[in-house]
Amino acid sequence: MNSYHEKVKESIKKASQIYKAYQHDARQEILKLIEEKGAITVTKIYKTLETNQSEVSRQLKFLRRANLVNTERKGKFVFYSINHPMFDKLIEASQILEEVLTD
């Protein structure tokens, strides 16, 4: 059974990974584009941002691991969309953390 300290450590590690995934300029550009389009493929992302496919795929991997984007396969295409419930939780957690840190 995990001790309280181990649970806290794991929670902080996971939260850190989520914030790290979000706090990156390229990933924020990708998220902004996904938000604007609603659902979009890797090809549309890299062509719109005028970058290469491997870089976009690498950044999307971070976003998927942090559960910040959803994926949906339609035929041979994978569409990415914003995971709004996760962002709602992230905003709520950030607000709580801000309150705790300002006390």
PDB file of N, CA and C in Angstrom:
ATOM      1  N   MET A   1       0.844  -1.184   0.000  1.00  0.00           N
ATOM      2  CA  MET A   1       0.000   0.000   0.000  1.00  0.00           C
ATOM      3  C   MET A   1       0.888   1.245   0.000  1.00  0.00           C
ATOM      4  N   ASN A   2       0.495   2.221  -0.801  1.00  0.00           N
ATOM      5  CA  ASN A   2       1.270   3.455  -0.886  1.00  0.00           C
ATOM      6  C   ASN A   2       1.074   4.305   0.355  1.00  0.00           C
ATOM      7  N   SER A   3       2.148   4.872   0.814  1.00  0.00           N
ATOM      8  CA  SER A   3       2.060   5.784   1.949  1.00  0.00           C
ATOM      9  C   SER A   3       1.501   7.127   1.478  1.00  0.00           C
ATOM     10  N   TYR A   4       1.089   7.928   2.434  1.00  0.00           N
ATOM     11  CA  TYR A   4       0.568   9.261   2.121  1.00  0.00           C
ATOM     12  C   TYR A   4       1.604  10.058   1.342  1.00  0.00           C
ATOM     13  N   HIS A   5       2.860  10.009   1.782  1.00  0.00           N
ATOM     14  CA  HIS A   5       3.938  10.732   1.108  1.00  0.00           C
ATOM     15  C   HIS A   5       4.083  10.271  -0.346  1.00  0.00           C
ATOM     16  N   GLU A   6       3.998   8.976  -0.581  1.00  0.00           N
ATOM     17  CA  GLU A   6       4.123   8.459  -1.950  1.00  0.00           C
ATOM     18  C   GLU A   6       2.966   8.923  -2.828  1.00  0.00           C
ATOM     19  N   LYS A   7       1.759   8.982  -2.255  1.00  0.00           N
ATOM     20  CA  LYS A   7       0.593   9.463  -3.003  1.00  0.00           C
ATOM     21  C   LYS A   7       0.751  10.936  -3.368  1.00  0.00           C
ATOM     22  N   VAL A   8       1.216  11.728  -2.414  1.00  0.00           N
ATOM     23  CA  VAL A   8       1.447  13.147  -2.673  1.00  0.00           C
ATOM     24  C   VAL A   8       2.517  13.314  -3.747  1.00  0.00           C
ATOM     25  N   LYS A   9       3.598  12.577  -3.614  1.00  0.00           N
ATOM     26  CA  LYS A   9       4.701  12.653  -4.580  1.00  0.00           C
ATOM     27  C   LYS A   9       4.217  12.312  -5.987  1.00  0.00           C
ATOM     28  N   GLU A  10       3.415  11.255  -6.110  1.00  0.00           N
ATOM     29  CA  GLU A  10       2.902  10.842  -7.417  1.00  0.00           C
ATOM     30  C   GLU A  10       1.937  11.884  -7.983  1.00  0.00           C
ATOM     31  N   SER A  11       1.092  12.461  -7.138  1.00  0.00           N
ATOM     32  CA  SER A  11       0.156  13.491  -7.589  1.00  0.00           C
ATOM     33  C   SER A  11       0.884  14.732  -8.083  1.00  0.00           C
ATOM     34  N   ILE A  12       1.903  15.138  -7.363  1.00  0.00           N
ATOM     35  CA  ILE A  12       2.683  16.314  -7.760  1.00  0.00           C
ATOM     36  C   ILE A  12       3.433  16.040  -9.058  1.00  0.00           C
ATOM     37  N   LYS A  13       3.957  14.848  -9.192  1.00  0.00           N
ATOM     38  CA  LYS A  13       4.675  14.473 -10.420  1.00  0.00           C
ATOM     39  C   LYS A  13       3.732  14.533 -11.620  1.00  0.00           C
ATOM     40  N   LYS A  14       2.536  13.986 -11.469  1.00  0.00           N
ATOM     41  CA  LYS A  14       1.568  13.989 -12.562  1.00  0.00           C
ATOM     42  C   LYS A  14       1.136  15.413 -12.902  1.00  0.00           C
ATOM     43  N   ALA A  15       0.862  16.222 -11.879  1.00  0.00           N
ATOM     44  CA  ALA A  15       0.468  17.613 -12.109  1.00  0.00           C
ATOM     45  C   ALA A  15       1.586  18.376 -12.817  1.00  0.00           C
ATOM     46  N   SER A  16       2.803  18.122 -12.410  1.00  0.00           N
ATOM     47  CA  SER A  16       3.963  18.766 -13.026  1.00  0.00           C
ATOM     48  C   SER A  16       4.056  18.426 -14.513  1.00  0.00           C
ATOM     49  N   GLN A  17       3.797  17.172 -14.845  1.00  0.00           N
ATOM     50  CA  GLN A  17       3.839  16.754 -16.246  1.00  0.00           C
ATOM     51  C   GLN A  17       2.763  17.450 -17.072  1.00  0.00           C
ATOM     52  N   ILE A  18       1.595  17.631 -16.474  1.00  0.00           N
ATOM     53  CA  ILE A  18       0.504  18.310 -17.177  1.00  0.00           C
ATOM     54  C   ILE A  18       0.860  19.773 -17.416  1.00  0.00           C
ATOM     55  N   TYR A  19       1.341  20.459 -16.380  1.00  0.00           N
ATOM     56  CA  TYR A  19       1.733  21.861 -16.531  1.00  0.00           C
ATOM     57  C   TYR A  19       2.890  22.005 -17.524  1.00  0.00           C
ATOM     58  N   LYS A  20       3.836  21.077 -17.472  1.00  0.00           N
ATOM     59  CA  LYS A  20       4.975  21.109 -18.397  1.00  0.00           C
ATOM     60  C   LYS A  20       4.489  20.945 -19.834  1.00  0.00           C
ATOM     61  N   ALA A  21       3.534  20.059 -20.046  1.00  0.00           N
ATOM     62  CA  ALA A  21       2.997  19.851 -21.393  1.00  0.00           C
ATOM     63  C   ALA A  21       2.349  21.123 -21.915  1.00  0.00           C
ATOM     64  N   TYR A  22       1.673  21.840 -21.031  1.00  0.00           N
ATOM     65  CA  TYR A  22       0.995  23.062 -21.449  1.00  0.00           C
ATOM     66  C   TYR A  22       1.963  24.228 -21.634  1.00  0.00           C
ATOM     67  N   GLN A  23       2.966  24.330 -20.777  1.00  0.00           N
ATOM     68  CA  GLN A  23       3.865  25.483 -20.768  1.00  0.00           C
ATOM     69  C   GLN A  23       4.996  25.355 -21.782  1.00  0.00           C
ATOM     70  N   HIS A  24       4.647  25.235 -23.022  1.00  0.00           N
ATOM     71  CA  HIS A  24       5.631  25.141 -24.098  1.00  0.00           C
ATOM     72  C   HIS A  24       5.055  25.906 -25.284  1.00  0.00           C
ATOM     73  N   ASP A  25       5.842  26.804 -25.850  1.00  0.00           N
ATOM     74  CA  ASP A  25       5.325  27.687 -26.902  1.00  0.00           C
ATOM     75  C   ASP A  25       4.728  26.927 -28.083  1.00  0.00           C
ATOM     76  N   ALA A  26       5.442  25.913 -28.579  1.00  0.00           N
ATOM     77  CA  ALA A  26       4.952  25.162 -29.741  1.00  0.00           C
ATOM     78  C   ALA A  26       3.655  24.432 -29.411  1.00  0.00           C
ATOM     79  N   ARG A  27       3.584  23.844 -28.222  1.00  0.00           N
ATOM     80  CA  ARG A  27       2.367  23.134 -27.833  1.00  0.00           C
ATOM     81  C   ARG A  27       1.204  24.106 -27.633  1.00  0.00           C
ATOM     82  N   GLN A  28       1.479  25.291 -27.123  1.00  0.00           N
ATOM     83  CA  GLN A  28       0.416  26.287 -26.975  1.00  0.00           C
ATOM     84  C   GLN A  28      -0.109  26.737 -28.342  1.00  0.00           C
ATOM     85  N   GLU A  29       0.784  26.863 -29.317  1.00  0.00           N
ATOM     86  CA  GLU A  29       0.352  27.202 -30.682  1.00  0.00           C
ATOM     87  C   GLU A  29      -0.547  26.113 -31.241  1.00  0.00           C
ATOM     88  N   ILE A  30      -0.150  24.873 -31.016  1.00  0.00           N
ATOM     89  CA  ILE A  30      -0.940  23.740 -31.499  1.00  0.00           C
ATOM     90  C   ILE A  30      -2.306  23.727 -30.814  1.00  0.00           C
ATOM     91  N   LEU A  31      -2.320  23.910 -29.503  1.00  0.00           N
ATOM     92  CA  LEU A  31      -3.587  23.926 -28.769  1.00  0.00           C
ATOM     93  C   LEU A  31      -4.498  25.051 -29.250  1.00  0.00           C
ATOM     94  N   LYS A  32      -3.926  26.203 -29.499  1.00  0.00           N
ATOM     95  CA  LYS A  32      -4.713  27.344 -29.990  1.00  0.00           C
ATOM     96  C   LYS A  32      -5.344  27.010 -31.340  1.00  0.00           C
ATOM     97  N   LEU A  33      -4.570  26.394 -32.212  1.00  0.00           N
ATOM     98  CA  LEU A  33      -5.076  26.017 -33.534  1.00  0.00           C
ATOM     99  C   LEU A  33      -6.172  24.961 -33.416  1.00  0.00           C
ATOM    100  N   ILE A  34      -5.958  23.966 -32.565  1.00  0.00           N
ATOM    101  CA  ILE A  34      -6.976  22.933 -32.357  1.00  0.00           C
ATOM    102  C   ILE A  34      -8.253  23.569 -31.816  1.00  0.00           C
ATOM    103  N   GLU A  35      -8.106  24.488 -30.883  1.00  0.00           N
ATOM    104  CA  GLU A  35      -9.278  25.165 -30.310  1.00  0.00           C
ATOM    105  C   GLU A  35     -10.033  25.947 -31.395  1.00  0.00           C
ATOM    106  N   GLU A  36      -9.304  26.610 -32.269  1.00  0.00           N
ATOM    107  CA  GLU A  36      -9.931  27.385 -33.341  1.00  0.00           C
ATOM    108  C   GLU A  36     -10.679  26.492 -34.332  1.00  0.00           C
ATOM    109  N   LYS A  37     -10.099  25.340 -34.652  1.00  0.00           N
ATOM    110  CA  LYS A  37     -10.666  24.456 -35.678  1.00  0.00           C
ATOM    111  C   LYS A  37     -11.665  23.445 -35.126  1.00  0.00           C
ATOM    112  N   GLY A  38     -11.613  23.187 -33.841  1.00  0.00           N
ATOM    113  CA  GLY A  38     -12.518  22.207 -33.248  1.00  0.00           C
ATOM    114  C   GLY A  38     -11.958  20.803 -33.291  1.00  0.00           C
ATOM    115  N   ALA A  39     -11.603  20.322 -34.450  1.00  0.00           N
ATOM    116  CA  ALA A  39     -10.942  19.026 -34.636  1.00  0.00           C
ATOM    117  C   ALA A  39     -10.083  19.147 -35.887  1.00  0.00           C
ATOM    118  N   ILE A  40      -8.880  18.629 -35.811  1.00  0.00           N
ATOM    119  CA  ILE A  40      -7.930  18.858 -36.889  1.00  0.00           C
ATOM    120  C   ILE A  40      -6.920  17.719 -36.960  1.00  0.00           C
ATOM    121  N   THR A  41      -6.417  17.445 -38.150  1.00  0.00           N
ATOM    122  CA  THR A  41      -5.428  16.383 -38.340  1.00  0.00           C
ATOM    123  C   THR A  41      -4.008  16.929 -38.185  1.00  0.00           C
ATOM    124  N   VAL A  42      -3.061  16.026 -38.005  1.00  0.00           N
ATOM    125  CA  VAL A  42      -1.647  16.408 -37.920  1.00  0.00           C
ATOM    126  C   VAL A  42      -1.237  17.167 -39.175  1.00  0.00           C
ATOM    127  N   THR A  43      -1.668  16.690 -40.330  1.00  0.00           N
ATOM    128  CA  THR A  43      -1.299  17.327 -41.597  1.00  0.00           C
ATOM    129  C   THR A  43      -1.745  18.778 -41.643  1.00  0.00           C
ATOM    130  N   LYS A  44      -2.989  19.015 -41.254  1.00  0.00           N
ATOM    131  CA  LYS A  44      -3.495  20.406 -41.246  1.00  0.00           C
ATOM    132  C   LYS A  44      -2.728  21.258 -40.243  1.00  0.00           C
ATOM    133  N   ILE A  45      -2.361  20.668 -39.116  1.00  0.00           N
ATOM    134  CA  ILE A  45      -1.625  21.423 -38.096  1.00  0.00           C
ATOM    135  C   ILE A  45      -0.270  21.842 -38.634  1.00  0.00           C
ATOM    136  N   TYR A  46       0.508  20.891 -39.143  1.00  0.00           N
ATOM    137  CA  TYR A  46       1.861  21.269 -39.558  1.00  0.00           C
ATOM    138  C   TYR A  46       1.868  22.157 -40.794  1.00  0.00           C
ATOM    139  N   LYS A  47       0.892  21.996 -41.669  1.00  0.00           N
ATOM    140  CA  LYS A  47       0.827  22.887 -42.830  1.00  0.00           C
ATOM    141  C   LYS A  47       0.427  24.299 -42.413  1.00  0.00           C
ATOM    142  N   THR A  48      -0.523  24.414 -41.506  1.00  0.00           N
ATOM    143  CA  THR A  48      -0.971  25.726 -41.035  1.00  0.00           C
ATOM    144  C   THR A  48       0.142  26.437 -40.276  1.00  0.00           C
ATOM    145  N   LEU A  49       0.856  25.697 -39.434  1.00  0.00           N
ATOM    146  CA  LEU A  49       1.928  26.299 -38.636  1.00  0.00           C
ATOM    147  C   LEU A  49       3.257  26.387 -39.389  1.00  0.00           C
ATOM    148  N   GLU A  50       3.257  25.872 -40.597  1.00  0.00           N
ATOM    149  CA  GLU A  50       4.451  25.892 -41.453  1.00  0.00           C
ATOM    150  C   GLU A  50       5.670  25.298 -40.747  1.00  0.00           C
ATOM    151  N   THR A  51       5.478  24.093 -40.255  1.00  0.00           N
ATOM    152  CA  THR A  51       6.553  23.359 -39.602  1.00  0.00           C
ATOM    153  C   THR A  51       6.558  21.950 -40.184  1.00  0.00           C
ATOM    154  N   ASN A  52       7.302  21.040 -39.567  1.00  0.00           N
ATOM    155  CA  ASN A  52       7.334  19.686 -40.124  1.00  0.00           C
ATOM    156  C   ASN A  52       6.470  18.725 -39.314  1.00  0.00           C
ATOM    157  N   GLN A  53       6.097  17.645 -39.981  1.00  0.00           N
ATOM    158  CA  GLN A  53       5.176  16.669 -39.399  1.00  0.00           C
ATOM    159  C   GLN A  53       5.743  16.019 -38.148  1.00  0.00           C
ATOM    160  N   SER A  54       7.028  15.693 -38.164  1.00  0.00           N
ATOM    161  CA  SER A  54       7.607  14.997 -37.013  1.00  0.00           C
ATOM    162  C   SER A  54       7.602  15.878 -35.762  1.00  0.00           C
ATOM    163  N   GLU A  55       7.824  17.162 -35.918  1.00  0.00           N
ATOM    164  CA  GLU A  55       7.797  18.082 -34.775  1.00  0.00           C
ATOM    165  C   GLU A  55       6.389  18.182 -34.198  1.00  0.00           C
ATOM    166  N   VAL A  56       5.395  18.311 -35.060  1.00  0.00           N
ATOM    167  CA  VAL A  56       4.007  18.391 -34.587  1.00  0.00           C
ATOM    168  C   VAL A  56       3.605  17.091 -33.903  1.00  0.00           C
ATOM    169  N   SER A  57       3.969  15.958 -34.483  1.00  0.00           N
ATOM    170  CA  SER A  57       3.643  14.661 -33.880  1.00  0.00           C
ATOM    171  C   SER A  57       4.286  14.518 -32.511  1.00  0.00           C
ATOM    172  N   ARG A  58       5.512  14.988 -32.392  1.00  0.00           N
ATOM    173  CA  ARG A  58       6.216  14.913 -31.111  1.00  0.00           C
ATOM    174  C   ARG A  58       5.507  15.764 -30.044  1.00  0.00           C
ATOM    175  N   GLN A  59       5.080  16.952 -30.429  1.00  0.00           N
ATOM    176  CA  GLN A  59       4.392  17.833 -29.491  1.00  0.00           C
ATOM    177  C   GLN A  59       3.009  17.284 -29.129  1.00  0.00           C
ATOM    178  N   LEU A  60       2.325  16.685 -30.105  1.00  0.00           N
ATOM    179  CA  LEU A  60       1.020  16.085 -29.833  1.00  0.00           C
ATOM    180  C   LEU A  60       1.144  14.899 -28.874  1.00  0.00           C
ATOM    181  N   LYS A  61       2.252  14.207 -28.948  1.00  0.00           N
ATOM    182  CA  LYS A  61       2.496  13.083 -28.035  1.00  0.00           C
ATOM    183  C   LYS A  61       2.512  13.577 -26.584  1.00  0.00           C
ATOM    184  N   PHE A  62       3.185  14.698 -26.330  1.00  0.00           N
ATOM    185  CA  PHE A  62       3.193  15.307 -24.994  1.00  0.00           C
ATOM    186  C   PHE A  62       1.775  15.665 -24.560  1.00  0.00           C
ATOM    187  N   LEU A  63       1.026  16.268 -25.467  1.00  0.00           N
ATOM    188  CA  LEU A  63      -0.332  16.704 -25.147  1.00  0.00           C
ATOM    189  C   LEU A  63      -1.263  15.519 -24.887  1.00  0.00           C
ATOM    190  N   ARG A  64      -1.074  14.436 -25.635  1.00  0.00           N
ATOM    191  CA  ARG A  64      -1.875  13.227 -25.403  1.00  0.00           C
ATOM    192  C   ARG A  64      -1.546  12.609 -24.053  1.00  0.00           C
ATOM    193  N   ARG A  65      -0.254  12.513 -23.731  1.00  0.00           N
ATOM    194  CA  ARG A  65       0.165  11.939 -22.444  1.00  0.00           C
ATOM    195  C   ARG A  65      -0.390  12.729 -21.266  1.00  0.00           C
ATOM    196  N   ALA A  66      -0.517  14.032 -21.433  1.00  0.00           N
ATOM    197  CA  ALA A  66      -1.062  14.895 -20.379  1.00  0.00           C
ATOM    198  C   ALA A  66      -2.588  14.928 -20.421  1.00  0.00           C
ATOM    199  N   ASN A  67      -3.168  14.220 -21.381  1.00  0.00           N
ATOM    200  CA  ASN A  67      -4.623  14.140 -21.530  1.00  0.00           C
ATOM    201  C   ASN A  67      -5.246  15.503 -21.849  1.00  0.00           C
ATOM    202  N   LEU A  68      -4.479  16.360 -22.520  1.00  0.00           N
ATOM    203  CA  LEU A  68      -4.979  17.686 -22.873  1.00  0.00           C
ATOM    204  C   LEU A  68      -5.702  17.704 -24.213  1.00  0.00           C
ATOM    205  N   VAL A  69      -5.494  16.651 -25.019  1.00  0.00           N
ATOM    206  CA  VAL A  69      -6.195  16.539 -26.296  1.00  0.00           C
ATOM    207  C   VAL A  69      -6.852  15.168 -26.397  1.00  0.00           C
ATOM    208  N   ASN A  70      -7.922  15.131 -27.168  1.00  0.00           N
ATOM    209  CA  ASN A  70      -8.608  13.878 -27.496  1.00  0.00           C
ATOM    210  C   ASN A  70      -8.235  13.489 -28.915  1.00  0.00           C
ATOM    211  N   THR A  71      -8.311  12.211 -29.203  1.00  0.00           N
ATOM    212  CA  THR A  71      -8.085  11.744 -30.569  1.00  0.00           C
ATOM    213  C   THR A  71      -9.296  10.942 -31.023  1.00  0.00           C
ATOM    214  N   GLU A  72      -9.573  11.052 -32.315  1.00  0.00           N
ATOM    215  CA  GLU A  72     -10.645  10.270 -32.915  1.00  0.00           C
ATOM    216  C   GLU A  72     -10.219   9.862 -34.315  1.00  0.00           C
ATOM    217  N   ARG A  73     -10.203   8.562 -34.551  1.00  0.00           N
ATOM    218  CA  ARG A  73      -9.826   8.046 -35.869  1.00  0.00           C
ATOM    219  C   ARG A  73     -11.055   8.023 -36.759  1.00  0.00           C
ATOM    220  N   LYS A  74     -10.897   8.600 -37.949  1.00  0.00           N
ATOM    221  CA  LYS A  74     -11.933   8.557 -38.987  1.00  0.00           C
ATOM    222  C   LYS A  74     -11.255   8.069 -40.253  1.00  0.00           C
ATOM    223  N   GLY A  75     -11.443   6.790 -40.547  1.00  0.00           N
ATOM    224  CA  GLY A  75     -10.752   6.192 -41.692  1.00  0.00           C
ATOM    225  C   GLY A  75      -9.268   6.156 -41.417  1.00  0.00           C
ATOM    226  N   LYS A  76      -8.482   6.718 -42.327  1.00  0.00           N
ATOM    227  CA  LYS A  76      -7.028   6.725 -42.134  1.00  0.00           C
ATOM    228  C   LYS A  76      -6.524   7.983 -41.426  1.00  0.00           C
ATOM    229  N   PHE A  77      -7.436   8.858 -41.027  1.00  0.00           N
ATOM    230  CA  PHE A  77      -7.051  10.108 -40.385  1.00  0.00           C
ATOM    231  C   PHE A  77      -7.335  10.082 -38.884  1.00  0.00           C
ATOM    232  N   VAL A  78      -6.451  10.735 -38.125  1.00  0.00           N
ATOM    233  CA  VAL A  78      -6.658  10.916 -36.698  1.00  0.00           C
ATOM    234  C   VAL A  78      -6.902  12.403 -36.473  1.00  0.00           C
ATOM    235  N   PHE A  79      -8.046  12.711 -35.869  1.00  0.00           N
ATOM    236  CA  PHE A  79      -8.400  14.091 -35.578  1.00  0.00           C
ATOM    237  C   PHE A  79      -8.132  14.385 -34.108  1.00  0.00           C
ATOM    238  N   TYR A  80      -7.562  15.548 -33.867  1.00  0.00           N
ATOM    239  CA  TYR A  80      -7.253  15.994 -32.506  1.00  0.00           C
ATOM    240  C   TYR A  80      -8.234  17.084 -32.118  1.00  0.00           C
ATOM    241  N   SER A  81      -8.694  17.022 -30.868  1.00  0.00           N
ATOM    242  CA  SER A  81      -9.574  18.055 -30.329  1.00  0.00           C
ATOM    243  C   SER A  81      -9.162  18.332 -28.884  1.00  0.00           C
ATOM    244  N   ILE A  82      -9.605  19.459 -28.387  1.00  0.00           N
ATOM    245  CA  ILE A  82      -9.278  19.851 -27.015  1.00  0.00           C
ATOM    246  C   ILE A  82     -10.084  19.003 -26.035  1.00  0.00           C
ATOM    247  N   ASN A  83      -9.437  18.551 -24.988  1.00  0.00           N
ATOM    248  CA  ASN A  83     -10.122  17.825 -23.920  1.00  0.00           C
ATOM    249  C   ASN A  83     -10.610  18.872 -22.909  1.00  0.00           C
ATOM    250  N   HIS A  84     -11.775  19.442 -23.179  1.00  0.00           N
ATOM    251  CA  HIS A  84     -12.300  20.529 -22.355  1.00  0.00           C
ATOM    252  C   HIS A  84     -12.488  20.151 -20.887  1.00  0.00           C
ATOM    253  N   PRO A  85     -13.006  18.962 -20.568  1.00  0.00           N
ATOM    254  CA  PRO A  85     -13.124  18.610 -19.140  1.00  0.00           C
ATOM    255  C   PRO A  85     -11.768  18.629 -18.415  1.00  0.00           C
ATOM    256  N   MET A  86     -10.725  18.220 -19.091  1.00  0.00           N
ATOM    257  CA  MET A  86      -9.399  18.242 -18.471  1.00  0.00           C
ATOM    258  C   MET A  86      -8.950  19.686 -18.229  1.00  0.00           C
ATOM    259  N   PHE A  87      -9.198  20.569 -19.195  1.00  0.00           N
ATOM    260  CA  PHE A  87      -8.823  21.971 -19.003  1.00  0.00           C
ATOM    261  C   PHE A  87      -9.639  22.614 -17.891  1.00  0.00           C
ATOM    262  N   ASP A  88     -10.909  22.222 -17.769  1.00  0.00           N
ATOM    263  CA  ASP A  88     -11.727  22.730 -16.661  1.00  0.00           C
ATOM    264  C   ASP A  88     -11.110  22.324 -15.326  1.00  0.00           C
ATOM    265  N   LYS A  89     -10.685  21.070 -15.214  1.00  0.00           N
ATOM    266  CA  LYS A  89     -10.042  20.586 -13.992  1.00  0.00           C
ATOM    267  C   LYS A  89      -8.712  21.305 -13.750  1.00  0.00           C
ATOM    268  N   LEU A  90      -7.962  21.545 -14.821  1.00  0.00           N
ATOM    269  CA  LEU A  90      -6.674  22.234 -14.712  1.00  0.00           C
ATOM    270  C   LEU A  90      -6.870  23.660 -14.212  1.00  0.00           C
ATOM    271  N   ILE A  91      -7.883  24.334 -14.716  1.00  0.00           N
ATOM    272  CA  ILE A  91      -8.182  25.697 -14.269  1.00  0.00           C
ATOM    273  C   ILE A  91      -8.584  25.686 -12.800  1.00  0.00           C
ATOM    274  N   GLU A  92      -9.449  24.757 -12.441  1.00  0.00           N
ATOM    275  CA  GLU A  92      -9.898  24.661 -11.051  1.00  0.00           C
ATOM    276  C   GLU A  92      -8.724  24.372 -10.111  1.00  0.00           C
ATOM    277  N   ALA A  93      -7.882  23.433 -10.492  1.00  0.00           N
ATOM    278  CA  ALA A  93      -6.719  23.090  -9.658  1.00  0.00           C
ATOM    279  C   ALA A  93      -5.765  24.276  -9.543  1.00  0.00           C
ATOM    280  N   SER A  94      -5.578  24.993 -10.626  1.00  0.00           N
ATOM    281  CA  SER A  94      -4.692  26.162 -10.608  1.00  0.00           C
ATOM    282  C   SER A  94      -5.234  27.253  -9.701  1.00  0.00           C
ATOM    283  N   GLN A  95      -6.541  27.448  -9.725  1.00  0.00           N
ATOM    284  CA  GLN A  95      -7.158  28.455  -8.864  1.00  0.00           C
ATOM    285  C   GLN A  95      -7.007  28.076  -7.392  1.00  0.00           C
ATOM    286  N   ILE A  96      -7.187  26.807  -7.081  1.00  0.00           N
ATOM    287  CA  ILE A  96      -7.012  26.340  -5.701  1.00  0.00           C
ATOM    288  C   ILE A  96      -5.565  26.524  -5.270  1.00  0.00           C
ATOM    289  N   LEU A  97      -4.644  26.153  -6.133  1.00  0.00           N
ATOM    290  CA  LEU A  97      -3.227  26.301  -5.818  1.00  0.00           C
ATOM    291  C   LEU A  97      -2.860  27.762  -5.606  1.00  0.00           C
ATOM    292  N   GLU A  98      -3.407  28.643  -6.439  1.00  0.00           N
ATOM    293  CA  GLU A  98      -3.148  30.067  -6.294  1.00  0.00           C
ATOM    294  C   GLU A  98      -3.656  30.579  -4.947  1.00  0.00           C
ATOM    295  N   GLU A  99      -4.853  30.127  -4.555  1.00  0.00           N
ATOM    296  CA  GLU A  99      -5.409  30.522  -3.250  1.00  0.00           C
ATOM    297  C   GLU A  99      -4.514  30.058  -2.105  1.00  0.00           C
ATOM    298  N   VAL A 100      -4.058  28.830  -2.188  1.00  0.00           N
ATOM    299  CA  VAL A 100      -3.205  28.271  -1.140  1.00  0.00           C
ATOM    300  C   VAL A 100      -1.892  29.040  -1.038  1.00  0.00           C
ATOM    301  N   LEU A 101      -1.344  29.402  -2.175  1.00  0.00           N
ATOM    302  CA  LEU A 101      -0.047  30.080  -2.188  1.00  0.00           C
ATOM    303  C   LEU A 101      -0.126  31.540  -1.783  1.00  0.00           C
ATOM    304  N   THR A 102      -1.319  32.136  -1.856  1.00  0.00           N
ATOM    305  CA  THR A 102      -1.458  33.554  -1.484  1.00  0.00           C
ATOM    306  C   THR A 102      -1.919  33.727  -0.034  1.00  0.00           C
ATOM    307  N   ASP A 103      -2.202  32.637   0.654  1.00  0.00           N
ATOM    308  CA  ASP A 103      -2.602  32.725   2.077  1.00  0.00           C
ATOM    309  C   ASP A 103      -1.417  32.994   2.959  1.00  0.00           C
TER     310      ASP A 103
END
